[in-house]
C-alpha atoms as a PDB file:
ATOM      1  CA  PRO A   1     -38.964  24.531 -22.150  1.00  0.00           C
ATOM      2  CA  ARG A   2     -40.763  21.403 -20.941  1.00  0.00           C
ATOM      3  CA  VAL A   3     -37.819  20.267 -18.817  1.00  0.00           C
ATOM      4  CA  ALA A   4     -38.359  21.440 -15.256  1.00  0.00           C
ATOM      5  CA  GLN A   5     -34.835  20.632 -14.128  1.00  0.00           C
ATOM      6  CA  ALA A   6     -31.954  19.691 -16.398  1.00  0.00           C
ATOM      7  CA  TYR A   7     -29.649  16.947 -15.152  1.00  0.00           C
ATOM      8  CA  VAL A   8     -26.582  14.938 -16.105  1.00  0.00           C
ATOM      9  CA  VAL A   9     -26.921  11.214 -16.732  1.00  0.00           C
ATOM     10  CA  ARG A  10     -23.973   8.997 -17.559  1.00  0.00           C
ATOM     11  CA  SER A  11     -24.170   5.329 -18.480  1.00  0.00           C
ATOM     12  CA  TYR A  12     -21.182   3.007 -18.639  1.00  0.00           C
ATOM     13  CA  LEU A  13     -21.227  -0.406 -20.269  1.00  0.00           C
ATOM     14  CA  ALA A  14     -21.028  -2.983 -17.492  1.00  0.00           C
ATOM     15  CA  PRO A  15     -20.994  -6.762 -17.236  1.00  0.00           C
ATOM     16  CA  GLU A  16     -24.071  -8.603 -16.074  1.00  0.00           C
ATOM     17  CA  ALA A  17     -24.206 -11.430 -13.553  1.00  0.00           C
ATOM     18  CA  ASN A  18     -23.252 -14.671 -15.263  1.00  0.00           C
ATOM     19  CA  PRO A  19     -24.270 -18.201 -14.301  1.00  0.00           C
ATOM     20  CA  GLY A  20     -21.769 -19.486 -11.764  1.00  0.00           C
ATOM     21  CA  ASP A  21     -19.783 -16.223 -11.826  1.00  0.00           C
ATOM     22  CA  GLN A  22     -21.434 -13.295 -10.081  1.00  0.00           C
ATOM     23  CA  LYS A  23     -18.375 -11.860  -8.305  1.00  0.00           C
ATOM     24  CA  GLU A  24     -17.928  -8.817 -10.555  1.00  0.00           C
ATOM     25  CA  ALA A  25     -21.670  -8.108 -10.533  1.00  0.00           C
ATOM     26  CA  ALA A  26     -21.621  -8.203  -6.730  1.00  0.00           C
ATOM     27  CA  ALA A  27     -18.672  -5.770  -6.637  1.00  0.00           C
ATOM     28  CA  LEU A  28     -20.547  -3.403  -8.978  1.00  0.00           C
ATOM     29  CA  THR A  29     -23.625  -3.641  -6.756  1.00  0.00           C
ATOM     30  CA  VAL A  30     -21.552  -2.499  -3.778  1.00  0.00           C
ATOM     31  CA  LEU A  31     -19.872   0.195  -5.908  1.00  0.00           C
ATOM     32  CA  ALA A  32     -23.254   1.667  -6.899  1.00  0.00           C
ATOM     33  CA  GLU A  33     -24.275   1.821  -3.250  1.00  0.00           C
ATOM     34  CA  LEU A  34     -20.985   3.440  -2.222  1.00  0.00           C
ATOM     35  CA  LEU A  35     -21.056   6.079  -4.955  1.00  0.00           C
ATOM     36  CA  GLY A  36     -24.697   7.055  -5.017  1.00  0.00           C
ATOM     37  CA  GLY A  37     -26.988   4.519  -3.415  1.00  0.00           C
ATOM     38  CA  ASN A  38     -28.095   6.899  -0.691  1.00  0.00           C
ATOM     39  CA  ALA A  39     -28.938  10.502  -1.519  1.00  0.00           C
ATOM     40  CA  SER A  40     -27.653  11.636   1.876  1.00  0.00           C
ATOM     41  CA  THR A  41     -24.695   9.485   2.863  1.00  0.00           C
ATOM     42  CA  SER A  42     -23.149   8.197  -0.379  1.00  0.00           C
ATOM     43  CA  LEU A  43     -19.770   9.401  -1.579  1.00  0.00           C
ATOM     44  CA  MET A  44     -21.234  11.510  -4.402  1.00  0.00           C
ATOM     45  CA  ALA A  45     -23.874  13.001  -2.083  1.00  0.00           C
ATOM     46  CA  ARG A  46     -21.327  14.038   0.535  1.00  0.00           C
ATOM     47  CA  SER A  47     -18.957  15.455  -2.079  1.00  0.00           C
ATOM     48  CA  MET A  48     -21.392  17.161  -4.437  1.00  0.00           C
ATOM     49  CA  MET A  49     -24.405  18.003  -2.283  1.00  0.00           C
ATOM     50  CA  PHE A  50     -22.838  18.836   1.055  1.00  0.00           C
ATOM     51  CA  ASP A  51     -19.146  19.654   0.642  1.00  0.00           C
ATOM     52  CA  THR A  52     -19.335  21.699  -2.571  1.00  0.00           C
ATOM     53  CA  GLN A  53     -23.108  22.163  -2.961  1.00  0.00           C
ATOM     54  CA  VAL A  54     -22.989  21.810  -6.751  1.00  0.00           C
ATOM     55  CA  ALA A  55     -25.867  19.308  -6.799  1.00  0.00           C
ATOM     56  CA  THR A  56     -29.302  18.904  -5.254  1.00  0.00           C
ATOM     57  CA  TYR A  57     -29.544  15.191  -6.038  1.00  0.00           C
ATOM     58  CA  VAL A  58     -27.153  12.409  -7.046  1.00  0.00           C
ATOM     59  CA  ALA A  59     -27.545   8.701  -7.653  1.00  0.00           C
ATOM     60  CA  ALA A  60     -25.721   5.638  -8.925  1.00  0.00           C
ATOM     61  CA  GLN A  61     -27.481   2.576 -10.235  1.00  0.00           C
ATOM     62  CA  TYR A  62     -26.589  -0.903 -11.385  1.00  0.00           C
ATOM     63  CA  ASP A  63     -28.761  -3.932 -12.025  1.00  0.00           C
ATOM     64  CA  ALA A  64     -26.817  -7.140 -12.505  1.00  0.00           C
ATOM     65  CA  ILE A  65     -29.779  -9.096 -13.852  1.00  0.00           C
ATOM     66  CA  SER A  66     -29.581  -8.882 -17.620  1.00  0.00           C
ATOM     67  CA  LEU A  67     -29.318 -11.366 -20.455  1.00  0.00           C
ATOM     68  CA  ASP A  68     -26.506  -9.363 -22.061  1.00  0.00           C
ATOM     69  CA  PRO A  69     -24.121  -6.666 -20.809  1.00  0.00           C
ATOM     70  CA  THR A  70     -25.911  -3.967 -18.864  1.00  0.00           C
ATOM     71  CA  THR A  71     -25.138  -0.438 -17.672  1.00  0.00           C
ATOM     72  CA  PHE A  72     -23.777   1.289 -14.603  1.00  0.00           C
ATOM     73  CA  GLY A  73     -25.428   4.691 -14.314  1.00  0.00           C
ATOM     74  CA  LEU A  74     -24.756   7.983 -12.562  1.00  0.00           C
ATOM     75  CA  VAL A  75     -27.169  10.919 -12.175  1.00  0.00           C
ATOM     76  CA  VAL A  76     -26.469  14.477 -11.012  1.00  0.00           C
ATOM     77  CA  VAL A  77     -29.073  17.224 -10.667  1.00  0.00           C
ATOM     78  CA  PRO A  78     -27.139  20.496 -10.482  1.00  0.00           C
ATOM     79  CA  ALA A  79     -27.915  23.092  -7.834  1.00  0.00           C
ATOM     80  CA  GLU A  80     -29.433  26.378  -8.953  1.00  0.00           C
ATOM     81  CA  GLY A  81     -26.888  28.412 -10.901  1.00  0.00           C
ATOM     82  CA  VAL A  82     -24.625  25.421 -11.610  1.00  0.00           C
ATOM     83  CA  SER A  83     -24.298  24.537 -15.299  1.00  0.00           C
ATOM     84  CA  LEU A  84     -24.551  20.992 -16.597  1.00  0.00           C
ATOM     85  CA  ALA A  85     -20.890  21.211 -17.642  1.00  0.00           C
ATOM     86  CA  ASP A  86     -19.847  22.221 -14.114  1.00  0.00           C
ATOM     87  CA  ALA A  87     -21.982  19.445 -12.597  1.00  0.00           C
ATOM     88  CA  GLU A  88     -20.317  16.941 -14.916  1.00  0.00           C
ATOM     89  CA  LYS A  89     -16.858  18.247 -13.971  1.00  0.00           C
ATOM     90  CA  ALA A  90     -17.722  17.886 -10.285  1.00  0.00           C
ATOM     91  CA  MET A  91     -18.914  14.318 -10.897  1.00  0.00           C
ATOM     92  CA  ASP A  92     -15.689  13.517 -12.772  1.00  0.00           C
ATOM     93  CA  ALA A  93     -13.612  15.022  -9.941  1.00  0.00           C
ATOM     94  CA  CYS A  94     -15.514  12.946  -7.373  1.00  0.00           C
ATOM     95  CA  LEU A  95     -14.939   9.760  -9.387  1.00  0.00           C
ATOM     96  CA  ALA A  96     -11.244  10.581  -9.885  1.00  0.00           C
ATOM     97  CA  ARG A  97     -10.829  11.107  -6.125  1.00  0.00           C
ATOM     98  CA  PHE A  98     -12.549   7.803  -5.431  1.00  0.00           C
ATOM     99  CA  LEU A  99     -10.381   5.939  -7.944  1.00  0.00           C
ATOM    100  CA  LYS A 100      -7.253   7.489  -6.398  1.00  0.00           C
ATOM    101  CA  GLU A 101      -8.145   7.152  -2.693  1.00  0.00           C
ATOM    102  CA  GLY A 102     -10.087   3.907  -2.772  1.00  0.00           C
ATOM    103  CA  VAL A 103     -12.828   2.558  -0.579  1.00  0.00           C
ATOM    104  CA  ASP A 104     -13.340   3.920   2.921  1.00  0.00           C
ATOM    105  CA  LYS A 105     -13.471   0.812   5.153  1.00  0.00           C
ATOM    106  CA  ALA A 106     -16.148   2.168   7.509  1.00  0.00           C
ATOM    107  CA  GLU A 107     -18.373   3.117   4.554  1.00  0.00           C
ATOM    108  CA  PHE A 108     -17.760  -0.259   2.963  1.00  0.00           C
ATOM    109  CA  ASP A 109     -18.761  -2.097   6.143  1.00  0.00           C
ATOM    110  CA  ARG A 110     -21.886   0.071   6.523  1.00  0.00           C
ATOM    111  CA  ILE A 111     -22.973  -0.592   2.928  1.00  0.00           C
ATOM    112  CA  LYS A 112     -22.395  -4.334   3.262  1.00  0.00           C
ATOM    113  CA  ALA A 113     -24.495  -4.404   6.464  1.00  0.00           C
ATOM    114  CA  GLN A 114     -27.290  -2.470   4.734  1.00  0.00           C
ATOM    115  CA  LEU A 115     -27.268  -4.798   1.737  1.00  0.00           C
ATOM    116  CA  ARG A 116     -27.412  -7.829   4.036  1.00  0.00           C
ATOM    117  CA  ALA A 117     -30.300  -6.329   6.015  1.00  0.00           C
ATOM    118  CA  LYS A 118     -32.179  -5.631   2.775  1.00  0.00           C
ATOM    119  CA  GLN A 119     -31.707  -9.264   1.717  1.00  0.00           C
ATOM    120  CA  ILE A 120     -33.095 -10.465   5.043  1.00  0.00           C
ATOM    121  CA  TYR A 121     -36.141  -8.197   4.780  1.00  0.00           C
ATOM    122  CA  ASP A 122     -36.651  -9.265   1.158  1.00  0.00           C
ATOM    123  CA  GLU A 123     -37.015 -12.867   2.333  1.00  0.00           C
ATOM    124  CA  ASP A 124     -40.320 -11.880   3.999  1.00  0.00           C
ATOM    125  CA  ASN A 125     -41.789 -10.820   0.663  1.00  0.00           C
ATOM    126  CA  THR A 126     -42.970 -13.879  -1.280  1.00  0.00           C
ATOM    127  CA  GLN A 127     -43.876 -11.801  -4.318  1.00  0.00           C
ATOM    128  CA  GLY A 128     -40.382 -10.290  -4.301  1.00  0.00           C
ATOM    129  CA  ALA A 129     -38.813 -13.748  -4.086  1.00  0.00           C
ATOM    130  CA  ALA A 130     -40.856 -14.949  -7.049  1.00  0.00           C
ATOM    131  CA  HIS A 131     -39.817 -11.826  -8.951  1.00  0.00           C
ATOM    132  CA  ARG A 132     -36.109 -12.357  -8.131  1.00  0.00           C
ATOM    133  CA  TYR A 133     -36.198 -15.971  -9.287  1.00  0.00           C
ATOM    134  CA  GLY A 134     -38.219 -15.154 -12.406  1.00  0.00           C
ATOM    135  CA  MET A 135     -35.869 -12.328 -13.425  1.00  0.00           C
ATOM    136  CA  ALA A 136     -32.803 -14.469 -12.794  1.00  0.00           C
ATOM    137  CA  LEU A 137     -34.092 -17.502 -14.664  1.00  0.00           C
ATOM    138  CA  THR A 138     -35.197 -15.486 -17.699  1.00  0.00           C
ATOM    139  CA  SER A 139     -31.767 -13.834 -17.775  1.00  0.00           C
ATOM    140  CA  GLY A 140     -29.838 -17.085 -17.969  1.00  0.00           C
ATOM    141  CA  LEU A 141     -29.032 -17.484 -14.268  1.00  0.00           C
ATOM    142  CA  THR A 142     -29.910 -20.592 -12.304  1.00  0.00           C
ATOM    143  CA  VAL A 143     -31.784 -21.305  -9.081  1.00  0.00           C
ATOM    144  CA  GLN A 144     -28.359 -21.996  -7.549  1.00  0.00           C
ATOM    145  CA  ASP A 145     -27.128 -18.560  -8.653  1.00  0.00           C
ATOM    146  CA  VAL A 146     -30.051 -16.922  -6.844  1.00  0.00           C
ATOM    147  CA  ALA A 147     -29.356 -19.005  -3.748  1.00  0.00           C
ATOM    148  CA  ASP A 148     -25.625 -18.158  -3.928  1.00  0.00           C
ATOM    149  CA  TRP A 149     -26.106 -14.368  -4.373  1.00  0.00           C
ATOM    150  CA  PRO A 150     -26.144 -13.458  -0.638  1.00  0.00           C
ATOM    151  CA  LYS A 151     -22.814 -15.245  -0.090  1.00  0.00           C
ATOM    152  CA  VAL A 152     -21.281 -13.818  -3.265  1.00  0.00           C
ATOM    153  CA  LEU A 153     -22.305 -10.337  -2.120  1.00  0.00           C
ATOM    154  CA  ALA A 154     -21.019 -10.965   1.416  1.00  0.00           C
ATOM    155  CA  ASP A 155     -17.646 -12.092   0.033  1.00  0.00           C
ATOM    156  CA  VAL A 156     -17.011  -8.831  -1.871  1.00  0.00           C
ATOM    157  CA  THR A 157     -13.862  -7.035  -0.691  1.00  0.00           C
ATOM    158  CA  PRO A 158     -12.769  -3.413  -1.110  1.00  0.00           C
ATOM    159  CA  ASP A 159     -10.196  -4.654  -3.638  1.00  0.00           C
ATOM    160  CA  ASP A 160     -12.986  -6.286  -5.658  1.00  0.00           C
ATOM    161  CA  VAL A 161     -14.906  -3.002  -5.674  1.00  0.00           C
ATOM    162  CA  MET A 162     -11.882  -1.022  -6.812  1.00  0.00           C
ATOM    163  CA  ALA A 163     -11.057  -3.517  -9.568  1.00  0.00           C
ATOM    164  CA  ALA A 164     -14.641  -3.316 -10.838  1.00  0.00           C
ATOM    165  CA  ALA A 165     -14.600   0.487 -10.612  1.00  0.00           C
ATOM    166  CA  ARG A 166     -11.372   0.766 -12.588  1.00  0.00           C
ATOM    167  CA  LYS A 167     -12.732  -1.562 -15.245  1.00  0.00           C
ATOM    168  CA  VAL A 168     -16.222  -0.070 -15.624  1.00  0.00           C
ATOM    169  CA  LEU A 169     -15.708   3.656 -14.957  1.00  0.00           C
ATOM    170  CA  ASP A 170     -13.944   4.138 -18.289  1.00  0.00           C
ATOM    171  CA  PRO A 171     -15.025   7.246 -20.209  1.00  0.00           C
ATOM    172  CA  LYS A 172     -14.468   5.351 -23.485  1.00  0.00           C
ATOM    173  CA  THR A 173     -17.313   2.982 -22.634  1.00  0.00           C
ATOM    174  CA  SER A 174     -19.796   5.604 -21.481  1.00  0.00           C
ATOM    175  CA  VAL A 175     -22.283   8.079 -22.815  1.00  0.00           C
ATOM    176  CA  THR A 176     -23.259  11.293 -21.021  1.00  0.00           C
END
């Protein structure tokens, strides 16, 4: 009775960024943005909020900075009259379509440009920079790893994203 709006949350086990090897973490960062990084233009938003109208909100999240393995998360708030089970089925169908069809090149390029712009803007925030370095260093990464991150992220390819998606989006390593 205290829940105003029920929603579906799914968490998958996911690898963290490792010192000297952040390629998979970068691919998962792009994957989260593609699937649900923007509540209006992401793949899940277009599929579930606009095309089928089974959801009022969707999101995907991944944070690579962790001492140990981390999670890749998905959230779906069903539209009025849509059950949690139906919202989950719609999410699964959207993921299955993505895994079958792959990355849309125009979307991929747009997401990469947005991530690069965010990095540039983040450079103007000294508190944010201190936070990034502090989080990285306390999670086992190095100053060089932080410095390398923009290039590692820029080097991500659609194939990298799909390989990471196929590895992480495994129902056996998730909880809903």
